[in-house]
Amino acid sequence: MILIKLAISSLYNRRASAFLTLFTIAISVMLLLSIERVRVDAKSSFSNTISGTDLIVGARTGDIQLLLSSVFRIGHANNAVSWQSYQYIKQQRGVKWTIPLSLGDSHKGQAVLGTSADYFQHYKFAKKQSLSFSQGRPFRHLNEVVLGAQVAANLGYSLGDSIVISHGMGNTSFHHHDDNPFTVVGILNATGTPVDKTLHIPLAAIEQIHNTNHTSHEHEHEHEHEQHDDLIGEPKQITAFLVGFDSPLYTLQVRRNINQYKPEALLAIMPGVTLRELWEMLTIVEKILLLFSMVVVLVSLLGMLTTLLASLNQRRRELAILRSVGARPWHLFALISIESLLTTFWGCLVGCGLFYLLMSLAAGYLQSHAGITITIAMLSSYELMLIGAIMAAGFIVGLIPATRAYFYSLSDGMSIKI
């Protein structure tokens, strides 16, 4: 107890250098915990880019390719799903809801998605969070469009603006549908998912803007108030569709039936499983983050070692006086060890406080801009193990100057060499 009080007094007398060492450790702990929490939550959020959907069905291709084209709007599907096959699968036992997806058009490089009004009700992201509107409402007529948050922000659109859709994905547009402008009626809240970069229009509008029959086009506009079914129409084919079941027990059975569907070559994937497979391909990112964390901690511990060794040379007279009043070598060894342990301990405490402060401030930004849902919760067992490892490393680092202090003799401390 006396040594602990003496160590605290010694640190207080050297509070400037002790604070800098403590602050360095605190910053390293904050960064380590933040990187670890973001890494874990990024993996979880990536797996939950689409949530609450049991199956994604499209033309037969690779699992990841179907996921990328239908969910991430990356690449394009080589083939499509016939409307007859969609209707047949929609009526299967256990199917609770379906969401048809039609891609292939764009607006200033942003993907345009033709879908049904069920999209805004059943599509979920993160941990089964539903889509919500920051402004406006879902589309109710064929010439209405709902924008993702990033589309509205980047292009400066607001409610009531007119938009012209172009044929072709990405920045490559083959034809502008100037004769069928769309009016912005809704803007979604940011989700951090590909939804933010998407323009949503009624599925029937996809057929309308590609319909070369002017008579049919005029007929579409005769209806002042379109009903839900009119927003879907009967297209010849769609890119893919999402399926939700009454019970998860139907998932594997229906998936097998779809993959063995004879009239058409279809593929059904479970998005959660495929997302995990895709993440496994990105494990290099995890390794880089872990390596960066370890380097940060190593640098901070080396900084503490440097500070302790530098201060030890300045304290040789102090240690010699302690020896002269009866302190044994092991007392000096214990004193320096306790100082390093206390510095590491307080640094970890301050680092944990800074970690929670940083996570609280950054949670909203990471959710809206990166799609990472940060969990503000108690430290996990792994994070506590990391703190314990830092404490142990700090104690081991402190043994080096403590050992040097142990071998300092009384005459070495009292005779100052110039």
Protein backbone atom coordinates (compact mmCIF):
# COMPACT_ATOMS: atom_id res chain seq x y z
CA MET A 1 0.00 0.00 0.00
CA ILE A 2 2.88 2.39 0.83
CA LEU A 3 4.48 1.65 -2.53
CA ILE A 4 1.19 2.37 -4.32
CA LYS A 5 0.86 5.74 -2.56
CA LEU A 6 4.49 6.50 -3.32
CA ALA A 7 3.95 5.56 -7.00
CA ILE A 8 0.90 7.85 -7.22
CA SER A 9 2.85 10.71 -5.63
CA SER A 10 5.74 10.10 -7.99
CA LEU A 11 3.43 10.17 -11.02
CA TYR A 12 1.82 13.37 -9.74
CA ASN A 13 5.20 15.04 -9.38
CA ARG A 14 5.91 14.09 -12.99
CA ARG A 15 2.35 14.76 -14.08
CA ALA A 16 3.23 16.40 -17.39
CA SER A 17 5.16 13.43 -18.80
CA ALA A 18 2.85 10.96 -17.03
CA PHE A 19 -0.21 12.61 -18.58
CA LEU A 20 1.29 12.49 -22.05
CA THR A 21 2.09 8.80 -21.62
CA LEU A 22 -1.39 8.12 -20.22
CA PHE A 23 -3.00 10.07 -23.07
CA THR A 24 -1.00 8.13 -25.67
CA ILE A 25 -2.17 4.85 -24.19
CA ALA A 26 -5.76 6.14 -23.99
CA ILE A 27 -5.74 7.11 -27.67
CA SER A 28 -4.34 3.70 -28.65
CA VAL A 29 -6.98 1.92 -26.55
CA MET A 30 -9.72 4.08 -28.07
CA LEU A 31 -8.50 3.34 -31.59
CA LEU A 32 -8.09 -0.37 -30.88
CA LEU A 33 -11.60 -0.73 -29.43
CA SER A 34 -13.11 1.49 -32.13
CA ILE A 35 -11.49 -0.45 -34.96
CA GLU A 36 -12.53 -3.74 -33.39
CA ARG A 37 -16.12 -2.58 -32.81
CA VAL A 38 -16.39 -1.13 -36.32
CA ARG A 39 -14.88 -4.31 -37.78
CA VAL A 40 -17.39 -6.52 -36.00
CA ASP A 41 -20.36 -4.26 -36.66
CA ALA A 42 -19.29 -3.71 -40.28
CA LYS A 43 -19.34 -7.45 -40.80
CA SER A 44 -22.74 -7.67 -39.14
CA SER A 45 -24.11 -4.71 -41.11
CA PHE A 46 -22.71 -6.08 -44.36
CA SER A 47 -24.50 -9.34 -43.65
CA ASN A 48 -27.65 -7.30 -42.98
CA THR A 49 -27.52 -5.12 -46.12
CA ILE A 50 -30.76 -6.86 -46.86
CA SER A 51 -32.64 -8.26 -43.88
CA GLY A 52 -35.86 -10.16 -43.39
CA THR A 53 -35.78 -11.56 -46.94
CA ASP A 54 -35.72 -15.36 -47.12
CA LEU A 55 -34.88 -15.82 -50.80
CA ILE A 56 -33.70 -13.87 -53.81
CA VAL A 57 -34.78 -15.46 -57.09
CA GLY A 58 -33.34 -14.68 -60.50
CA ALA A 59 -32.16 -16.30 -63.69
CA ARG A 60 -29.65 -19.08 -63.17
CA THR A 61 -26.18 -17.61 -62.65
CA GLY A 62 -23.69 -17.49 -59.81
CA ASP A 63 -24.95 -16.90 -56.27
CA ILE A 64 -22.73 -13.85 -55.71
CA GLN A 65 -23.46 -12.44 -59.16
CA LEU A 66 -27.21 -12.61 -58.49
CA LEU A 67 -26.71 -10.94 -55.10
CA LEU A 68 -24.53 -8.17 -56.52
CA SER A 69 -26.90 -7.38 -59.37
CA SER A 70 -30.16 -7.49 -57.40
CA VAL A 71 -29.09 -6.00 -54.04
CA PHE A 72 -25.91 -3.99 -54.67
CA ARG A 73 -26.81 -2.90 -58.23
CA ILE A 74 -23.35 -4.01 -59.35
CA GLY A 75 -23.06 -5.64 -62.75
CA HIS A 76 -26.13 -6.89 -64.50
CA ALA A 77 -28.11 -10.08 -64.84
CA ASN A 78 -27.44 -12.00 -68.05
CA ASN A 79 -31.02 -13.24 -68.24
CA ALA A 80 -34.37 -12.36 -66.73
CA VAL A 81 -37.27 -14.14 -65.04
CA SER A 82 -40.49 -14.53 -66.99
CA TRP A 83 -43.60 -13.03 -65.47
CA GLN A 84 -45.35 -16.40 -65.65
CA SER A 85 -42.64 -18.03 -63.51
CA TYR A 86 -42.85 -15.18 -61.03
CA GLN A 87 -46.61 -15.58 -60.70
CA TYR A 88 -46.27 -19.34 -60.29
CA ILE A 89 -43.70 -19.10 -57.50
CA LYS A 90 -45.63 -16.28 -55.84
CA GLN A 91 -48.59 -18.63 -55.40
CA GLN A 92 -46.57 -21.41 -53.78
CA ARG A 93 -47.46 -22.61 -50.32
CA GLY A 94 -45.92 -20.61 -47.50
CA VAL A 95 -45.08 -17.53 -49.57
CA LYS A 96 -46.08 -14.48 -47.53
CA TRP A 97 -44.92 -11.70 -49.83
CA THR A 98 -42.87 -11.08 -52.95
CA ILE A 99 -41.19 -7.98 -54.33
CA PRO A 100 -40.50 -7.90 -58.10
CA LEU A 101 -37.35 -6.06 -59.18
CA SER A 102 -36.67 -4.70 -62.64
CA LEU A 103 -33.30 -3.11 -63.40
CA GLY A 104 -31.66 -1.84 -66.56
CA ASP A 105 -32.36 1.89 -66.53
CA SER A 106 -30.50 4.72 -64.86
CA HIS A 107 -30.51 8.43 -64.18
CA LYS A 108 -27.20 10.32 -64.23
CA GLY A 109 -25.31 7.17 -63.30
CA GLN A 110 -27.71 6.11 -60.54
CA ALA A 111 -29.67 2.86 -60.82
CA VAL A 112 -33.41 2.97 -61.47
CA LEU A 113 -35.42 0.18 -59.88
CA GLY A 114 -38.89 -0.77 -61.05
CA THR A 115 -40.80 -2.43 -58.23
CA SER A 116 -44.13 -2.60 -56.44
CA ALA A 117 -45.50 -0.66 -53.47
CA ASP A 118 -44.74 -3.74 -51.31
CA TYR A 119 -41.08 -2.75 -51.58
CA PHE A 120 -41.57 0.07 -49.06
CA GLN A 121 -43.45 -2.23 -46.70
CA HIS A 122 -41.40 -5.44 -46.74
CA TYR A 123 -37.87 -4.45 -47.75
CA LYS A 124 -35.70 -4.29 -44.64
CA PHE A 125 -32.06 -3.60 -43.92
CA ALA A 126 -29.67 -3.80 -40.96
CA LYS A 127 -31.45 -5.59 -38.11
CA LYS A 128 -34.84 -5.73 -39.80
CA GLN A 129 -35.20 -1.95 -40.01
CA SER A 130 -37.93 -0.79 -42.38
CA LEU A 131 -37.52 1.93 -44.96
CA SER A 132 -38.78 5.33 -43.88
CA PHE A 133 -39.36 8.66 -45.59
CA SER A 134 -37.60 11.89 -44.75
CA GLN A 135 -39.95 13.68 -47.14
CA GLY A 136 -43.03 12.75 -49.12
CA ARG A 137 -44.62 9.35 -49.61
CA PRO A 138 -44.43 6.16 -51.73
CA PHE A 139 -45.38 6.36 -55.40
CA ARG A 140 -49.07 5.99 -56.21
CA HIS A 141 -49.11 6.76 -59.93
CA LEU A 142 -47.08 5.58 -62.89
CA ASN A 143 -45.22 8.84 -63.37
CA GLU A 144 -43.96 9.14 -59.78
CA VAL A 145 -40.51 8.35 -58.43
CA VAL A 146 -39.08 7.85 -54.92
CA LEU A 147 -35.44 8.78 -54.44
CA GLY A 148 -32.81 7.28 -52.18
CA ALA A 149 -31.22 9.70 -49.73
CA GLN A 150 -27.89 9.91 -51.54
CA VAL A 151 -29.49 10.47 -54.94
CA ALA A 152 -31.48 13.41 -53.60
CA ALA A 153 -28.47 14.87 -51.78
CA ASN A 154 -25.95 14.47 -54.60
CA LEU A 155 -28.22 15.65 -57.40
CA GLY A 156 -30.02 18.31 -55.38
CA TYR A 157 -33.53 17.04 -56.00
CA SER A 158 -36.55 17.91 -53.89
CA LEU A 159 -40.25 17.05 -53.95
CA GLY A 160 -42.00 18.07 -57.15
CA ASP A 161 -38.90 18.01 -59.36
CA SER A 162 -39.13 16.33 -62.74
CA ILE A 163 -36.73 13.52 -63.70
CA VAL A 164 -36.05 11.83 -67.03
CA ILE A 165 -35.00 8.18 -66.97
CA SER A 166 -32.37 6.83 -69.38
CA HIS A 167 -31.97 3.34 -70.75
CA GLY A 168 -28.75 1.63 -69.71
CA MET A 169 -26.93 1.10 -66.41
CA GLY A 170 -24.28 3.30 -64.81
CA ASN A 171 -23.01 6.27 -66.78
CA THR A 172 -23.73 4.56 -70.09
CA SER A 173 -27.12 5.68 -71.39
CA PHE A 174 -28.36 4.54 -74.76
CA HIS A 175 -31.61 6.47 -74.87
CA HIS A 176 -33.32 9.16 -72.80
CA HIS A 177 -37.03 8.65 -72.19
CA ASP A 178 -37.86 12.34 -72.50
CA ASP A 179 -41.50 11.61 -73.34
CA ASN A 180 -42.07 9.99 -69.93
CA PRO A 181 -40.80 12.32 -67.16
CA PHE A 182 -41.25 11.33 -63.52
CA THR A 183 -42.17 13.55 -60.60
CA VAL A 184 -40.38 13.19 -57.27
CA VAL A 185 -42.97 12.37 -54.60
CA GLY A 186 -40.78 10.88 -51.87
CA ILE A 187 -37.24 10.86 -50.49
CA LEU A 188 -36.14 8.01 -48.25
CA ASN A 189 -34.09 8.36 -45.08
CA ALA A 190 -30.47 7.33 -45.35
CA THR A 191 -29.82 3.62 -44.80
CA GLY A 192 -26.15 3.28 -45.76
CA THR A 193 -27.17 0.59 -48.27
CA PRO A 194 -27.54 0.60 -52.08
CA VAL A 195 -31.11 1.85 -51.51
CA ASP A 196 -29.62 5.31 -50.97
CA LYS A 197 -28.24 5.33 -54.52
CA THR A 198 -31.42 4.10 -56.20
CA LEU A 199 -34.42 5.73 -57.86
CA HIS A 200 -37.63 3.74 -57.35
CA ILE A 201 -40.45 3.80 -59.87
CA PRO A 202 -43.55 1.59 -60.35
CA LEU A 203 -42.89 -1.70 -62.11
CA ALA A 204 -45.56 -0.89 -64.71
CA ALA A 205 -43.71 2.33 -65.53
CA ILE A 206 -40.77 0.27 -66.79
CA GLU A 207 -43.02 -1.21 -69.45
CA GLN A 208 -44.55 2.16 -70.15
CA ILE A 209 -41.28 3.98 -70.89
CA HIS A 210 -40.12 1.16 -73.14
CA ASN A 211 -43.47 0.76 -74.89
CA THR A 212 -43.21 1.89 -78.48
CA ASN A 213 -47.00 1.67 -78.96
CA HIS A 214 -48.14 5.29 -78.59
CA THR A 215 -51.78 4.24 -78.31
CA SER A 216 -51.00 2.00 -75.38
CA HIS A 217 -48.99 4.84 -73.86
CA GLU A 218 -51.95 7.21 -74.03
CA HIS A 219 -54.19 4.56 -72.57
CA GLU A 220 -51.95 4.30 -69.57
CA HIS A 221 -52.37 8.00 -68.83
CA GLU A 222 -56.13 7.95 -69.03
CA HIS A 223 -56.35 6.76 -65.43
CA GLU A 224 -56.18 9.68 -63.05
CA HIS A 225 -55.82 7.50 -59.95
CA GLU A 226 -53.94 4.24 -60.46
CA GLN A 227 -54.62 1.34 -58.14
CA HIS A 228 -52.01 -0.92 -56.57
CA ASP A 229 -52.36 -3.60 -59.28
CA ASP A 230 -52.06 -0.99 -62.02
CA LEU A 231 -48.62 -0.03 -60.66
CA ILE A 232 -47.43 -3.56 -61.31
CA GLY A 233 -49.02 -4.40 -64.64
CA GLU A 234 -48.03 -7.58 -66.46
CA PRO A 235 -44.49 -7.16 -67.75
CA LYS A 236 -43.01 -9.88 -69.92
CA GLN A 237 -40.07 -10.37 -67.59
CA ILE A 238 -38.33 -8.98 -64.50
CA THR A 239 -34.73 -9.01 -63.34
CA ALA A 240 -35.31 -10.80 -60.03
CA PHE A 241 -37.66 -10.89 -57.08
CA LEU A 242 -37.49 -11.13 -53.29
CA VAL A 243 -39.48 -13.69 -51.33
CA GLY A 244 -40.60 -13.80 -47.72
CA PHE A 245 -42.25 -16.83 -46.11
CA ASP A 246 -44.76 -17.35 -43.33
CA SER A 247 -42.24 -19.63 -41.66
CA PRO A 248 -38.50 -20.22 -42.21
CA LEU A 249 -39.35 -23.92 -42.56
CA TYR A 250 -40.52 -23.26 -46.13
CA THR A 251 -37.24 -21.66 -47.21
CA LEU A 252 -35.17 -24.74 -48.01
CA GLN A 253 -38.07 -26.61 -49.57
CA VAL A 254 -39.11 -23.79 -51.90
CA ARG A 255 -35.48 -23.01 -52.72
CA ARG A 256 -34.93 -26.58 -53.84
CA ASN A 257 -38.09 -26.51 -55.94
CA ILE A 258 -37.06 -23.26 -57.63
CA ASN A 259 -33.55 -24.52 -58.40
CA GLN A 260 -35.14 -27.62 -59.97
CA TYR A 261 -37.82 -25.63 -61.80
CA LYS A 262 -38.06 -27.16 -65.28
CA PRO A 263 -39.94 -24.54 -67.35
CA GLU A 264 -37.14 -22.03 -66.76
CA ALA A 265 -33.57 -22.02 -65.48
CA LEU A 266 -33.91 -20.17 -62.18
CA LEU A 267 -31.70 -19.72 -59.13
CA ALA A 268 -32.82 -19.06 -55.56
CA ILE A 269 -30.30 -17.89 -52.99
CA MET A 270 -30.52 -17.14 -49.28
CA PRO A 271 -29.13 -13.60 -49.00
CA GLY A 272 -27.69 -14.05 -45.51
CA VAL A 273 -25.65 -17.08 -46.53
CA THR A 274 -24.45 -15.49 -49.77
CA LEU A 275 -23.50 -12.26 -47.98
CA ARG A 276 -21.32 -14.26 -45.58
CA GLU A 277 -19.68 -16.00 -48.52
CA LEU A 278 -19.01 -12.62 -50.11
CA TRP A 279 -17.51 -11.31 -46.85
CA GLU A 280 -15.18 -14.30 -46.73
CA MET A 281 -13.76 -13.06 -50.00
CA LEU A 282 -13.01 -9.75 -48.28
CA THR A 283 -11.19 -11.19 -45.25
CA ILE A 284 -8.08 -9.25 -46.28
CA VAL A 285 -9.89 -6.12 -45.05
CA GLU A 286 -10.32 -7.67 -41.60
CA LYS A 287 -6.67 -8.64 -41.48
CA ILE A 288 -5.57 -5.13 -42.41
CA LEU A 289 -7.76 -3.62 -39.68
CA LEU A 290 -6.41 -6.03 -37.08
CA LEU A 291 -2.85 -5.32 -38.16
CA PHE A 292 -3.46 -1.59 -37.92
CA SER A 293 -4.87 -2.04 -34.40
CA MET A 294 -1.84 -3.99 -33.24
CA VAL A 295 0.56 -1.43 -34.70
CA VAL A 296 -1.26 1.39 -32.87
CA VAL A 297 -1.00 -0.42 -29.53
CA LEU A 298 2.64 -1.36 -30.13
CA VAL A 299 3.58 2.26 -30.88
CA SER A 300 1.86 3.49 -27.72
CA LEU A 301 3.61 0.89 -25.54
CA LEU A 302 6.96 1.73 -27.08
CA GLY A 303 6.22 5.37 -26.34
CA MET A 304 5.55 4.51 -22.71
CA LEU A 305 8.80 2.52 -22.54
CA THR A 306 10.75 5.44 -23.99
CA THR A 307 9.20 7.85 -21.48
CA LEU A 308 9.93 5.57 -18.53
CA LEU A 309 13.54 5.01 -19.57
CA ALA A 310 14.07 8.72 -20.16
CA SER A 311 12.57 9.66 -16.80
CA LEU A 312 14.56 6.91 -15.09
CA ASN A 313 17.84 8.61 -15.97
CA GLN A 314 16.52 11.82 -14.42
CA ARG A 315 15.40 10.01 -11.27
CA ARG A 316 18.66 8.29 -10.39
CA ARG A 317 19.29 10.68 -7.48
CA GLU A 318 15.69 10.19 -6.29
CA LEU A 319 16.12 6.41 -6.33
CA ALA A 320 19.46 6.69 -4.58
CA ILE A 321 17.84 8.74 -1.79
CA LEU A 322 15.20 6.04 -1.40
CA ARG A 323 17.98 3.47 -1.08
CA SER A 324 19.71 5.64 1.52
CA VAL A 325 16.59 5.70 3.73
CA GLY A 326 16.27 1.92 3.69
CA ALA A 327 14.57 1.00 0.42
CA ARG A 328 15.74 -2.32 -0.93
CA PRO A 329 16.37 -3.02 -4.62
CA TRP A 330 13.10 -4.92 -4.93
CA HIS A 331 11.29 -1.86 -3.53
CA LEU A 332 12.62 0.18 -6.44
CA PHE A 333 11.72 -2.63 -8.85
CA ALA A 334 8.17 -2.73 -7.47
CA LEU A 335 7.84 1.08 -7.49
CA ILE A 336 8.68 1.42 -11.19
CA SER A 337 6.49 -1.60 -12.05
CA ILE A 338 3.54 -0.14 -10.16
CA GLU A 339 3.97 3.22 -11.89
CA SER A 340 3.87 1.61 -15.34
CA LEU A 341 0.90 -0.54 -14.33
CA LEU A 342 -1.02 2.44 -12.96
CA THR A 343 -0.27 4.48 -16.07
CA THR A 344 -1.49 1.64 -18.29
CA PHE A 345 -4.59 1.07 -16.13
CA TRP A 346 -5.62 4.74 -16.11
CA GLY A 347 -4.85 4.95 -19.83
CA CYS A 348 -7.18 2.02 -20.48
CA LEU A 349 -9.95 3.60 -18.38
CA VAL A 350 -9.67 6.94 -20.18
CA GLY A 351 -9.43 5.10 -23.51
CA CYS A 352 -12.66 3.23 -22.80
CA GLY A 353 -14.39 6.50 -21.99
CA LEU A 354 -13.12 8.08 -25.20
CA PHE A 355 -14.20 4.96 -27.11
CA TYR A 356 -17.82 5.25 -25.95
CA LEU A 357 -17.80 8.99 -26.63
CA LEU A 358 -16.48 8.46 -30.15
CA MET A 359 -18.96 5.67 -30.90
CA SER A 360 -21.88 7.77 -29.65
CA LEU A 361 -20.87 10.69 -31.85
CA ALA A 362 -20.07 8.60 -34.93
CA ALA A 363 -22.96 6.09 -34.79
CA GLY A 364 -25.37 8.22 -36.81
CA TYR A 365 -22.77 9.16 -39.41
CA LEU A 366 -21.60 5.57 -39.90
CA GLN A 367 -25.21 4.39 -40.26
CA SER A 368 -26.19 6.97 -42.85
CA HIS A 369 -22.96 7.14 -44.86
CA ALA A 370 -21.36 3.70 -44.49
CA GLY A 371 -24.32 1.50 -43.59
CA ILE A 372 -22.60 0.33 -40.40
CA THR A 373 -24.95 -0.03 -37.44
CA ILE A 374 -22.81 0.58 -34.36
CA THR A 375 -23.81 -1.29 -31.21
CA ILE A 376 -23.40 0.90 -28.12
CA ALA A 377 -23.14 -1.83 -25.52
CA MET A 378 -20.89 -3.15 -22.78
CA LEU A 379 -17.47 -4.36 -23.84
CA SER A 380 -17.58 -7.88 -25.22
CA SER A 381 -15.48 -10.68 -23.75
CA TYR A 382 -13.05 -10.32 -26.65
CA GLU A 383 -12.73 -6.57 -26.12
CA LEU A 384 -12.14 -7.14 -22.40
CA MET A 385 -9.48 -9.67 -23.36
CA LEU A 386 -7.84 -7.00 -25.53
CA ILE A 387 -7.83 -4.60 -22.55
CA GLY A 388 -6.30 -7.33 -20.41
CA ALA A 389 -3.64 -7.95 -23.05
CA ILE A 390 -2.78 -4.23 -23.10
CA MET A 391 -2.53 -4.22 -19.30
CA ALA A 392 -0.25 -7.25 -19.39
CA ALA A 393 1.85 -5.71 -22.17
CA GLY A 394 2.12 -2.46 -20.20
CA PHE A 395 3.28 -4.36 -17.14
CA ILE A 396 5.86 -6.29 -19.16
CA VAL A 397 7.14 -3.09 -20.76
CA GLY A 398 7.46 -1.58 -17.28
CA LEU A 399 9.67 -4.46 -16.20
CA ILE A 400 12.50 -3.14 -18.40
CA PRO A 401 13.03 0.17 -16.55
CA ALA A 402 12.16 -1.57 -13.27
CA THR A 403 14.97 -4.03 -13.84
CA ARG A 404 17.40 -1.20 -14.54
CA ALA A 405 16.32 0.56 -11.36
CA TYR A 406 16.87 -2.67 -9.44
CA PHE A 407 20.55 -2.71 -10.36
CA TYR A 408 21.23 0.95 -9.69
CA SER A 409 23.57 1.19 -6.72
CA LEU A 410 23.72 3.86 -4.07
CA SER A 411 27.06 5.23 -5.20
CA ASP A 412 25.86 5.30 -8.86
CA GLY A 413 22.96 7.48 -7.86
CA MET A 414 24.87 9.82 -5.55
CA SER A 415 27.83 10.36 -7.88
CA ILE A 416 26.59 12.40 -10.78
CA LYS A 417 28.72 11.88 -13.86
CA ILE A 418 29.31 14.87 -16.09
